[in-house]
Amino acid sequence: MSIEVHVESNGWNREVRIYAIDSSPRGLYSIFQDSNGFLTMQKFEEMQSINEVPCLLTMRGDIAKEILPALTEALSKKGFPTVNENTLRGKIEAMSAHLEDMRKLVFK
């Protein structure tokens, strides 16, 4: 699975639409919630208008500004780090290793 998330914002009614698109060798699939509340996938054509593709989530912009950062934080606390956290962790580890090497050189 290679999932990309796209966000569309409609300024006049402050609606935010979040699309989760899986691009696999079999084609493009939109991931969305079916009428029973389960996530499902539907194939679509690349040339289709984004408005014809089912979206994962729709909400008002002011709610999205509150919920999405809280969701990211909650997932991080449960062991689902963000890309930024992984990048920062790697940079900190590299810096720590560099500092340790410098200490060895200086205090030899």
Protein backbone atom coordinates (compact mmCIF):
# COMPACT_ATOMS: atom_id res chain seq x y z
CA MET A 1 0.00 0.00 0.00
CA SER A 2 1.23 3.46 -0.88
CA ILE A 3 -1.23 5.91 0.62
CA GLU A 4 -1.18 9.63 -0.06
CA VAL A 5 -3.39 12.06 1.81
CA HIS A 6 -4.82 15.07 -0.02
CA VAL A 7 -6.66 17.94 1.60
CA GLU A 8 -9.11 20.16 -0.25
CA SER A 9 -10.37 23.33 1.39
CA ASN A 10 -13.38 25.28 0.21
CA GLY A 11 -12.99 28.86 1.40
CA TRP A 12 -16.56 30.02 0.99
CA ASN A 13 -18.10 27.47 3.36
CA ARG A 14 -14.91 26.63 5.30
CA GLU A 15 -15.31 22.92 4.53
CA VAL A 16 -12.26 20.67 4.60
CA ARG A 17 -12.24 17.39 2.70
CA ILE A 18 -9.56 14.79 3.38
CA TYR A 19 -8.85 12.16 0.73
CA ALA A 20 -6.78 9.02 1.29
CA ILE A 21 -5.60 7.66 -2.05
CA ASP A 22 -3.90 4.28 -2.43
CA SER A 23 -1.87 4.05 -5.62
CA SER A 24 -1.06 0.42 -6.24
CA PRO A 25 -0.08 -1.53 -9.36
CA ARG A 26 -3.78 -2.43 -9.68
CA GLY A 27 -4.76 1.25 -9.97
CA LEU A 28 -5.91 4.18 -7.85
CA TYR A 29 -8.26 3.60 -4.93
CA SER A 30 -10.01 6.05 -2.65
CA ILE A 31 -10.30 4.97 0.98
CA PHE A 32 -13.52 6.13 2.60
CA GLN A 33 -16.14 5.22 5.19
CA ASP A 34 -19.05 3.15 3.91
CA SER A 35 -22.64 3.46 5.15
CA ASN A 36 -21.88 0.98 7.96
CA GLY A 37 -18.96 3.07 9.24
CA PHE A 38 -16.23 0.75 7.94
CA LEU A 39 -13.27 1.90 5.87
CA THR A 40 -13.46 0.56 2.35
CA MET A 41 -11.77 1.19 -0.98
CA GLN A 42 -13.18 2.18 -4.34
CA LYS A 43 -11.25 2.22 -7.59
CA PHE A 44 -11.29 5.42 -9.61
CA GLU A 45 -9.73 6.73 -12.78
CA GLU A 46 -6.86 9.22 -12.62
CA MET A 47 -8.70 11.65 -14.87
CA GLN A 48 -11.80 11.76 -12.67
CA SER A 49 -12.63 15.03 -10.97
CA ILE A 50 -11.73 15.05 -7.26
CA ASN A 51 -15.38 15.90 -6.53
CA GLU A 52 -16.41 12.51 -7.97
CA VAL A 53 -14.06 10.57 -5.67
CA PRO A 54 -15.38 9.64 -2.21
CA CYS A 55 -13.43 11.38 0.54
CA LEU A 56 -12.27 9.87 3.82
CA LEU A 57 -13.47 12.73 5.99
CA THR A 58 -15.34 16.01 5.65
CA MET A 59 -15.52 18.63 8.39
CA ARG A 60 -15.67 22.34 9.03
CA GLY A 61 -12.30 24.07 8.90
CA ASP A 62 -12.49 25.38 12.47
CA ILE A 63 -13.13 21.85 13.76
CA ALA A 64 -10.30 20.44 11.61
CA LYS A 65 -7.87 22.93 13.18
CA GLU A 66 -8.71 21.52 16.61
CA ILE A 67 -9.19 17.82 15.89
CA LEU A 68 -6.31 17.04 13.52
CA PRO A 69 -3.45 18.22 15.80
CA ALA A 70 -5.10 16.43 18.75
CA LEU A 71 -5.43 13.26 16.65
CA THR A 72 -1.76 13.45 15.63
CA GLU A 73 -0.71 13.89 19.27
CA ALA A 74 -2.90 11.01 20.47
CA LEU A 75 -1.51 8.68 17.78
CA SER A 76 2.04 9.69 18.66
CA LYS A 77 1.42 8.85 22.33
CA LYS A 78 0.20 5.39 21.26
CA GLY A 79 3.37 4.67 19.29
CA PHE A 80 2.50 6.01 15.83
CA PRO A 81 5.19 8.67 15.33
CA THR A 82 4.80 11.33 12.69
CA VAL A 83 7.31 11.71 9.86
CA ASN A 84 8.65 14.82 11.62
CA GLU A 85 9.22 12.90 14.85
CA ASN A 86 11.15 10.19 13.00
CA THR A 87 13.26 12.84 11.22
CA LEU A 88 13.99 14.68 14.46
CA ARG A 89 14.84 11.44 16.25
CA GLY A 90 17.34 10.59 13.48
CA LYS A 91 18.92 14.06 13.64
CA ILE A 92 19.26 13.89 17.42
CA GLU A 93 20.85 10.44 17.23
CA ALA A 94 23.32 11.64 14.57
CA MET A 95 24.17 14.75 16.63
CA SER A 96 24.68 12.65 19.76
CA ALA A 97 27.03 10.31 17.90
CA HIS A 98 28.94 13.30 16.51
CA LEU A 99 29.29 14.85 19.98
CA GLU A 100 30.51 11.54 21.38
CA ASP A 101 33.15 11.35 18.61
CA MET A 102 34.24 14.93 19.38
CA ARG A 103 34.55 14.10 23.09
CA LYS A 104 36.77 11.13 22.26
CA LEU A 105 39.02 13.36 20.13
CA VAL A 106 39.23 16.22 22.63
CA PHE A 107 39.67 14.16 25.79
CA LYS A 108 42.08 11.61 24.32
